[in-house]
Structure formats: structure tokens, C-alpha cells
């Protein structure tokens, strides 16, 4: 089951790869660096929606969101998928 961790803060650009041994897509990282802090969460949501749609199109049967109890972000992503 694919797990998705939406980017919600700039510090995650360095902390997530260090803690979980994964990298953000290069295009997302570049865009996030140029984005104002107050708009990072929305950028992460938009990217996550796009990734979810690609995974669903590829036939993935379910998705798991690593949002650490951030239900607002999860709800926005789900609404964006539908």
C-alpha cells in the first residue's frame, strides 16, 4: 500500500529525507524552495492530490496518508481526489 506524506512545512525538505531515507521529487523541492512559507502546505496538498490521482489511475487499490493527525490536510486531499 503506497504511503503519502504531504509537505506541510519547509523544514520537512531536510527532515523527512534524513529521518525516512526518502527524497522529495526534484521539481517539488525546487518549487517549495521558491514558495513562501505560508503557501507550503497548499503546495504539498496539490502535489499529493496529483500523486494520488496517478496512483489510482495505475490501479493502486488503496492509499495511506502520513499526516500525523492533521485531518484538515487529509480532508483537502481526499476532496481534491474526488
PDB file of N, CA and C in Angstrom:
ATOM      1  N   UNK A   1       0.850  -1.164   0.000  1.00  0.00           N
ATOM      2  CA  UNK A   1       0.000   0.000   0.000  1.00  0.00           C
ATOM      3  C   UNK A   1       0.903   1.237   0.000  1.00  0.00           C
ATOM      4  N   UNK A   2       0.719   2.132  -0.971  1.00  0.00           N
ATOM      5  CA  UNK A   2       1.528   3.359  -1.007  1.00  0.00           C
ATOM      6  C   UNK A   2       1.208   4.266   0.178  1.00  0.00           C
ATOM      7  N   UNK A   3       2.229   4.867   0.716  1.00  0.00           N
ATOM      8  CA  UNK A   3       2.069   5.842   1.786  1.00  0.00           C
ATOM      9  C   UNK A   3       2.504   7.206   1.289  1.00  0.00           C
ATOM     10  N   UNK A   4       1.692   8.213   1.545  1.00  0.00           N
ATOM     11  CA  UNK A   4       1.990   9.565   1.088  1.00  0.00           C
ATOM     12  C   UNK A   4       2.109  10.501   2.279  1.00  0.00           C
ATOM     13  N   UNK A   5       3.168  11.287   2.292  1.00  0.00           N
ATOM     14  CA  UNK A   5       3.395  12.283   3.339  1.00  0.00           C
ATOM     15  C   UNK A   5       3.390  13.644   2.670  1.00  0.00           C
ATOM     16  N   UNK A   6       2.278  14.384   2.771  1.00  0.00           N
ATOM     17  CA  UNK A   6       2.233  15.700   2.142  1.00  0.00           C
ATOM     18  C   UNK A   6       3.202  16.676   2.819  1.00  0.00           C
ATOM     19  N   UNK A   7       3.863  17.445   2.018  1.00  0.00           N
ATOM     20  CA  UNK A   7       4.739  18.504   2.507  1.00  0.00           C
ATOM     21  C   UNK A   7       3.867  19.594   3.119  1.00  0.00           C
ATOM     22  N   UNK A   8       4.117  19.948   4.380  1.00  0.00           N
ATOM     23  CA  UNK A   8       3.311  20.988   5.020  1.00  0.00           C
ATOM     24  C   UNK A   8       4.151  22.116   5.598  1.00  0.00           C
ATOM     25  N   UNK A   9       5.482  21.951   5.609  1.00  0.00           N
ATOM     26  CA  UNK A   9       6.374  22.981   6.140  1.00  0.00           C
ATOM     27  C   UNK A   9       7.744  22.843   5.459  1.00  0.00           C
ATOM     28  N   UNK A  10       8.428  23.958   5.280  1.00  0.00           N
ATOM     29  CA  UNK A  10       9.715  23.941   4.585  1.00  0.00           C
ATOM     30  C   UNK A  10      10.767  23.089   5.294  1.00  0.00           C
ATOM     31  N   UNK A  11      10.770  23.066   6.610  1.00  0.00           N
ATOM     32  CA  UNK A  11      11.787  22.295   7.331  1.00  0.00           C
ATOM     33  C   UNK A  11      11.740  20.816   6.943  1.00  0.00           C
ATOM     34  N   UNK A  12      10.582  20.349   6.467  1.00  0.00           N
ATOM     35  CA  UNK A  12      10.440  18.950   6.079  1.00  0.00           C
ATOM     36  C   UNK A  12      11.300  18.592   4.863  1.00  0.00           C
ATOM     37  N   UNK A  13      11.705  19.589   4.089  1.00  0.00           N
ATOM     38  CA  UNK A  13      12.565  19.329   2.933  1.00  0.00           C
ATOM     39  C   UNK A  13      13.873  18.660   3.366  1.00  0.00           C
ATOM     40  N   UNK A  14      14.323  18.961   4.579  1.00  0.00           N
ATOM     41  CA  UNK A  14      15.544  18.319   5.073  1.00  0.00           C
ATOM     42  C   UNK A  14      15.246  17.233   6.104  1.00  0.00           C
ATOM     43  N   UNK A  15      14.210  17.402   6.907  1.00  0.00           N
ATOM     44  CA  UNK A  15      13.963  16.431   7.981  1.00  0.00           C
ATOM     45  C   UNK A  15      13.397  15.104   7.479  1.00  0.00           C
ATOM     46  N   UNK A  16      12.508  15.134   6.520  1.00  0.00           N
ATOM     47  CA  UNK A  16      11.905  13.886   6.028  1.00  0.00           C
ATOM     48  C   UNK A  16      12.944  12.993   5.347  1.00  0.00           C
ATOM     49  N   UNK A  17      13.751  13.516   4.427  1.00  0.00           N
ATOM     50  CA  UNK A  17      14.778  12.644   3.828  1.00  0.00           C
ATOM     51  C   UNK A  17      15.750  12.084   4.870  1.00  0.00           C
ATOM     52  N   UNK A  18      16.092  12.870   5.850  1.00  0.00           N
ATOM     53  CA  UNK A  18      17.042  12.431   6.876  1.00  0.00           C
ATOM     54  C   UNK A  18      16.432  11.338   7.766  1.00  0.00           C
ATOM     55  N   UNK A  19      15.183  11.486   8.140  1.00  0.00           N
ATOM     56  CA  UNK A  19      14.545  10.536   9.061  1.00  0.00           C
ATOM     57  C   UNK A  19      14.029   9.278   8.372  1.00  0.00           C
ATOM     58  N   UNK A  20      13.542   9.428   7.140  1.00  0.00           N
ATOM     59  CA  UNK A  20      12.860   8.309   6.486  1.00  0.00           C
ATOM     60  C   UNK A  20      13.591   7.766   5.253  1.00  0.00           C
ATOM     61  N   UNK A  21      14.741   8.336   4.941  1.00  0.00           N
ATOM     62  CA  UNK A  21      15.570   7.867   3.821  1.00  0.00           C
ATOM     63  C   UNK A  21      14.817   7.871   2.486  1.00  0.00           C
ATOM     64  N   UNK A  22      14.040   8.918   2.275  1.00  0.00           N
ATOM     65  CA  UNK A  22      13.338   9.129   1.007  1.00  0.00           C
ATOM     66  C   UNK A  22      13.624  10.553   0.543  1.00  0.00           C
ATOM     67  N   UNK A  23      13.455  10.779  -0.722  1.00  0.00           N
ATOM     68  CA  UNK A  23      13.654  12.122  -1.267  1.00  0.00           C
ATOM     69  C   UNK A  23      12.354  12.649  -1.855  1.00  0.00           C
ATOM     70  N   UNK A  24      12.204  13.936  -1.801  1.00  0.00           N
ATOM     71  CA  UNK A  24      11.089  14.572  -2.483  1.00  0.00           C
ATOM     72  C   UNK A  24      11.407  14.616  -3.970  1.00  0.00           C
ATOM     73  N   UNK A  25      10.376  14.610  -4.827  1.00  0.00           N
ATOM     74  CA  UNK A  25      10.653  14.807  -6.249  1.00  0.00           C
ATOM     75  C   UNK A  25      11.408  16.136  -6.435  1.00  0.00           C
ATOM     76  N   UNK A  26      12.387  16.134  -7.310  1.00  0.00           N
ATOM     77  CA  UNK A  26      13.223  17.325  -7.511  1.00  0.00           C
ATOM     78  C   UNK A  26      12.389  18.550  -7.869  1.00  0.00           C
ATOM     79  N   UNK A  27      11.379  18.370  -8.708  1.00  0.00           N
ATOM     80  CA  UNK A  27      10.534  19.507  -9.100  1.00  0.00           C
ATOM     81  C   UNK A  27       9.778  20.082  -7.901  1.00  0.00           C
ATOM     82  N   UNK A  28       9.301  19.211  -7.024  1.00  0.00           N
ATOM     83  CA  UNK A  28       8.607  19.681  -5.823  1.00  0.00           C
ATOM     84  C   UNK A  28       9.571  20.431  -4.914  1.00  0.00           C
ATOM     85  N   UNK A  29      10.751  19.898  -4.711  1.00  0.00           N
ATOM     86  CA  UNK A  29      11.723  20.557  -3.837  1.00  0.00           C
ATOM     87  C   UNK A  29      12.086  21.943  -4.369  1.00  0.00           C
ATOM     88  N   UNK A  30      12.310  22.055  -5.669  1.00  0.00           N
ATOM     89  CA  UNK A  30      12.642  23.354  -6.271  1.00  0.00           C
ATOM     90  C   UNK A  30      11.495  24.348  -6.095  1.00  0.00           C
ATOM     91  N   UNK A  31      10.280  23.873  -6.353  1.00  0.00           N
ATOM     92  CA  UNK A  31       9.119  24.747  -6.213  1.00  0.00           C
ATOM     93  C   UNK A  31       8.910  25.155  -4.755  1.00  0.00           C
ATOM     94  N   UNK A  32       9.126  24.235  -3.834  1.00  0.00           N
ATOM     95  CA  UNK A  32       8.946  24.530  -2.409  1.00  0.00           C
ATOM     96  C   UNK A  32       9.949  25.572  -1.930  1.00  0.00           C
ATOM     97  N   UNK A  33      11.173  25.493  -2.419  1.00  0.00           N
ATOM     98  CA  UNK A  33      12.190  26.473  -2.022  1.00  0.00           C
ATOM     99  C   UNK A  33      11.782  27.874  -2.447  1.00  0.00           C
ATOM    100  N   UNK A  34      11.141  27.987  -3.588  1.00  0.00           N
ATOM    101  CA  UNK A  34      10.709  29.297  -4.106  1.00  0.00           C
ATOM    102  C   UNK A  34       9.391  29.781  -3.506  1.00  0.00           C
ATOM    103  N   UNK A  35       8.668  28.888  -2.837  1.00  0.00           N
ATOM    104  CA  UNK A  35       7.341  29.212  -2.313  1.00  0.00           C
ATOM    105  C   UNK A  35       7.449  29.854  -0.930  1.00  0.00           C
ATOM    106  N   UNK A  36       6.609  30.842  -0.683  1.00  0.00           N
ATOM    107  CA  UNK A  36       6.568  31.474   0.638  1.00  0.00           C
ATOM    108  C   UNK A  36       6.117  30.461   1.685  1.00  0.00           C
ATOM    109  N   UNK A  37       6.629  30.598   2.886  1.00  0.00           N
ATOM    110  CA  UNK A  37       6.311  29.656   3.966  1.00  0.00           C
ATOM    111  C   UNK A  37       4.810  29.463   4.148  1.00  0.00           C
ATOM    112  N   UNK A  38       4.059  30.544   4.063  1.00  0.00           N
ATOM    113  CA  UNK A  38       2.616  30.456   4.309  1.00  0.00           C
ATOM    114  C   UNK A  38       1.883  29.657   3.234  1.00  0.00           C
ATOM    115  N   UNK A  39       2.519  29.404   2.083  1.00  0.00           N
ATOM    116  CA  UNK A  39       1.873  28.687   0.984  1.00  0.00           C
ATOM    117  C   UNK A  39       2.382  27.256   0.802  1.00  0.00           C
ATOM    118  N   UNK A  40       3.309  26.821   1.650  1.00  0.00           N
ATOM    119  CA  UNK A  40       3.900  25.490   1.513  1.00  0.00           C
ATOM    120  C   UNK A  40       2.861  24.391   1.690  1.00  0.00           C
ATOM    121  N   UNK A  41       2.017  24.521   2.674  1.00  0.00           N
ATOM    122  CA  UNK A  41       1.007  23.489   2.942  1.00  0.00           C
ATOM    123  C   UNK A  41       0.131  23.274   1.717  1.00  0.00           C
ATOM    124  N   UNK A  42      -0.317  24.352   1.092  1.00  0.00           N
ATOM    125  CA  UNK A  42      -1.175  24.229  -0.092  1.00  0.00           C
ATOM    126  C   UNK A  42      -0.415  23.580  -1.248  1.00  0.00           C
ATOM    127  N   UNK A  43       0.843  23.946  -1.405  1.00  0.00           N
ATOM    128  CA  UNK A  43       1.674  23.321  -2.445  1.00  0.00           C
ATOM    129  C   UNK A  43       1.768  21.816  -2.196  1.00  0.00           C
ATOM    130  N   UNK A  44       2.012  21.416  -0.961  1.00  0.00           N
ATOM    131  CA  UNK A  44       2.097  19.992  -0.623  1.00  0.00           C
ATOM    132  C   UNK A  44       0.795  19.260  -0.890  1.00  0.00           C
ATOM    133  N   UNK A  45      -0.314  19.895  -0.599  1.00  0.00           N
ATOM    134  CA  UNK A  45      -1.627  19.292  -0.847  1.00  0.00           C
ATOM    135  C   UNK A  45      -1.830  19.089  -2.346  1.00  0.00           C
ATOM    136  N   UNK A  46      -1.506  20.105  -3.142  1.00  0.00           N
ATOM    137  CA  UNK A  46      -1.683  19.998  -4.592  1.00  0.00           C
ATOM    138  C   UNK A  46      -0.820  18.878  -5.178  1.00  0.00           C
ATOM    139  N   UNK A  47       0.424  18.782  -4.730  1.00  0.00           N
ATOM    140  CA  UNK A  47       1.304  17.719  -5.211  1.00  0.00           C
ATOM    141  C   UNK A  47       0.777  16.356  -4.783  1.00  0.00           C
ATOM    142  N   UNK A  48       0.292  16.243  -3.574  1.00  0.00           N
ATOM    143  CA  UNK A  48      -0.216  14.974  -3.072  1.00  0.00           C
ATOM    144  C   UNK A  48      -1.454  14.543  -3.859  1.00  0.00           C
ATOM    145  N   UNK A  49      -2.330  15.473  -4.163  1.00  0.00           N
ATOM    146  CA  UNK A  49      -3.515  15.166  -4.969  1.00  0.00           C
ATOM    147  C   UNK A  49      -3.082  14.610  -6.320  1.00  0.00           C
ATOM    148  N   UNK A  50      -2.110  15.251  -6.942  1.00  0.00           N
ATOM    149  CA  UNK A  50      -1.612  14.804  -8.249  1.00  0.00           C
ATOM    150  C   UNK A  50      -1.038  13.384  -8.144  1.00  0.00           C
ATOM    151  N   UNK A  51      -0.239  13.127  -7.109  1.00  0.00           N
ATOM    152  CA  UNK A  51       0.340  11.795  -6.923  1.00  0.00           C
ATOM    153  C   UNK A  51      -0.744  10.747  -6.685  1.00  0.00           C
ATOM    154  N   UNK A  52      -1.751  11.102  -5.895  1.00  0.00           N
ATOM    155  CA  UNK A  52      -2.851  10.169  -5.619  1.00  0.00           C
ATOM    156  C   UNK A  52      -3.586   9.809  -6.906  1.00  0.00           C
ATOM    157  N   UNK A  53      -3.861  10.797  -7.720  1.00  0.00           N
ATOM    158  CA  UNK A  53      -4.572  10.542  -8.978  1.00  0.00           C
ATOM    159  C   UNK A  53      -3.752   9.634  -9.887  1.00  0.00           C
ATOM    160  N   UNK A  54      -2.438   9.824  -9.929  1.00  0.00           N
ATOM    161  CA  UNK A  54      -1.576   8.953 -10.732  1.00  0.00           C
ATOM    162  C   UNK A  54      -1.598   7.523 -10.198  1.00  0.00           C
ATOM    163  N   UNK A  55      -1.535   7.375  -8.889  1.00  0.00           N
ATOM    164  CA  UNK A  55      -1.547   6.042  -8.286  1.00  0.00           C
ATOM    165  C   UNK A  55      -2.885   5.339  -8.526  1.00  0.00           C
ATOM    166  N   UNK A  56      -3.979   6.050  -8.386  1.00  0.00           N
ATOM    167  CA  UNK A  56      -5.307   5.476  -8.621  1.00  0.00           C
ATOM    168  C   UNK A  56      -5.431   5.056 -10.085  1.00  0.00           C
ATOM    169  N   UNK A  57      -4.968   5.901 -10.987  1.00  0.00           N
ATOM    170  CA  UNK A  57      -5.008   5.586 -12.420  1.00  0.00           C
ATOM    171  C   UNK A  57      -4.192   4.324 -12.724  1.00  0.00           C
ATOM    172  N   UNK A  58      -3.111   4.116 -11.965  1.00  0.00           N
ATOM    173  CA  UNK A  58      -2.259   2.937 -12.146  1.00  0.00           C
ATOM    174  C   UNK A  58      -2.857   1.684 -11.508  1.00  0.00           C
ATOM    175  N   UNK A  59      -3.997   1.840 -10.838  1.00  0.00           N
ATOM    176  CA  UNK A  59      -4.685   0.688 -10.275  1.00  0.00           C
ATOM    177  C   UNK A  59      -4.353   0.352  -8.838  1.00  0.00           C
ATOM    178  N   UNK A  60      -3.725   1.271  -8.133  1.00  0.00           N
ATOM    179  CA  UNK A  60      -3.420   1.028  -6.724  1.00  0.00           C
ATOM    180  C   UNK A  60      -4.744   0.914  -5.960  1.00  0.00           C
ATOM    181  N   UNK A  61      -4.931  -0.153  -5.172  1.00  0.00           N
ATOM    182  CA  UNK A  61      -6.227  -0.375  -4.533  1.00  0.00           C
ATOM    183  C   UNK A  61      -6.530   0.513  -3.335  1.00  0.00           C
ATOM    184  N   UNK A  62      -5.501   1.058  -2.684  1.00  0.00           N
ATOM    185  CA  UNK A  62      -5.748   1.935  -1.542  1.00  0.00           C
ATOM    186  C   UNK A  62      -4.523   2.812  -1.288  1.00  0.00           C
ATOM    187  N   UNK A  63      -4.726   3.870  -0.540  1.00  0.00           N
ATOM    188  CA  UNK A  63      -3.670   4.826  -0.223  1.00  0.00           C
ATOM    189  C   UNK A  63      -3.637   5.035   1.286  1.00  0.00           C
ATOM    190  N   UNK A  64      -2.450   5.328   1.796  1.00  0.00           N
ATOM    191  CA  UNK A  64      -2.291   5.641   3.217  1.00  0.00           C
ATOM    192  C   UNK A  64      -1.637   7.011   3.327  1.00  0.00           C
ATOM    193  N   UNK A  65      -2.202   7.867   4.163  1.00  0.00           N
ATOM    194  CA  UNK A  65      -1.675   9.220   4.331  1.00  0.00           C
ATOM    195  C   UNK A  65      -0.959   9.342   5.671  1.00  0.00           C
ATOM    196  N   UNK A  66       0.289   9.776   5.628  1.00  0.00           N
ATOM    197  CA  UNK A  66       1.073  10.042   6.832  1.00  0.00           C
ATOM    198  C   UNK A  66       0.942  11.532   7.138  1.00  0.00           C
ATOM    199  N   UNK A  67      -0.099  11.882   7.884  1.00  0.00           N
ATOM    200  CA  UNK A  67      -0.349  13.291   8.188  1.00  0.00           C
ATOM    201  C   UNK A  67      -0.294  13.580   9.683  1.00  0.00           C
ATOM    202  N   UNK A  68       0.056  12.574  10.465  1.00  0.00           N
ATOM    203  CA  UNK A  68       0.244  12.754  11.908  1.00  0.00           C
ATOM    204  C   UNK A  68      -0.930  13.472  12.578  1.00  0.00           C
ATOM    205  N   UNK A  69      -2.139  13.029  12.264  1.00  0.00           N
ATOM    206  CA  UNK A  69      -3.330  13.594  12.879  1.00  0.00           C
ATOM    207  C   UNK A  69      -3.815  14.895  12.268  1.00  0.00           C
ATOM    208  N   UNK A  70      -3.191  15.326  11.185  1.00  0.00           N
ATOM    209  CA  UNK A  70      -3.588  16.566  10.516  1.00  0.00           C
ATOM    210  C   UNK A  70      -4.773  16.267   9.600  1.00  0.00           C
ATOM    211  N   UNK A  71      -5.947  16.175  10.204  1.00  0.00           N
ATOM    212  CA  UNK A  71      -7.130  15.786   9.441  1.00  0.00           C
ATOM    213  C   UNK A  71      -7.518  16.817   8.388  1.00  0.00           C
ATOM    214  N   UNK A  72      -7.260  18.095   8.631  1.00  0.00           N
ATOM    215  CA  UNK A  72      -7.601  19.121   7.642  1.00  0.00           C
ATOM    216  C   UNK A  72      -6.874  18.876   6.324  1.00  0.00           C
ATOM    217  N   UNK A  73      -5.591  18.542   6.408  1.00  0.00           N
ATOM    218  CA  UNK A  73      -4.820  18.264   5.191  1.00  0.00           C
ATOM    219  C   UNK A  73      -5.371  17.028   4.493  1.00  0.00           C
ATOM    220  N   UNK A  74      -5.629  15.973   5.255  1.00  0.00           N
ATOM    221  CA  UNK A  74      -6.157  14.746   4.674  1.00  0.00           C
ATOM    222  C   UNK A  74      -7.499  14.975   3.998  1.00  0.00           C
ATOM    223  N   UNK A  75      -8.374  15.714   4.629  1.00  0.00           N
ATOM    224  CA  UNK A  75      -9.695  16.002   4.058  1.00  0.00           C
ATOM    225  C   UNK A  75      -9.545  16.789   2.751  1.00  0.00           C
ATOM    226  N   UNK A  76      -8.669  17.776   2.724  1.00  0.00           N
ATOM    227  CA  UNK A  76      -8.466  18.552   1.497  1.00  0.00           C
ATOM    228  C   UNK A  76      -7.943  17.680   0.368  1.00  0.00           C
ATOM    229  N   UNK A  77      -7.044  16.760   0.685  1.00  0.00           N
ATOM    230  CA  UNK A  77      -6.507  15.859  -0.331  1.00  0.00           C
ATOM    231  C   UNK A  77      -7.630  14.959  -0.868  1.00  0.00           C
ATOM    232  N   UNK A  78      -8.384  14.383   0.014  1.00  0.00           N
ATOM    233  CA  UNK A  78      -9.476  13.481  -0.412  1.00  0.00           C
ATOM    234  C   UNK A  78     -10.487  14.237  -1.267  1.00  0.00           C
ATOM    235  N   UNK A  79     -10.846  15.430  -0.857  1.00  0.00           N
ATOM    236  CA  UNK A  79     -11.772  16.229  -1.667  1.00  0.00           C
ATOM    237  C   UNK A  79     -11.197  16.518  -3.041  1.00  0.00           C
ATOM    238  N   UNK A  80      -9.893  16.746  -3.109  1.00  0.00           N
ATOM    239  CA  UNK A  80      -9.235  17.016  -4.379  1.00  0.00           C
ATOM    240  C   UNK A  80      -9.159  15.814  -5.290  1.00  0.00           C
ATOM    241  N   UNK A  81      -9.168  14.624  -4.704  1.00  0.00           N
ATOM    242  CA  UNK A  81      -9.127  13.397  -5.490  1.00  0.00           C
ATOM    243  C   UNK A  81     -10.489  13.112  -6.112  1.00  0.00           C
ATOM    244  N   UNK A  82     -11.543  13.385  -5.354  1.00  0.00           N
ATOM    245  CA  UNK A  82     -12.914  13.076  -5.811  1.00  0.00           C
ATOM    246  C   UNK A  82     -13.404  13.955  -6.921  1.00  0.00           C
TER     247      UNK A  82
END
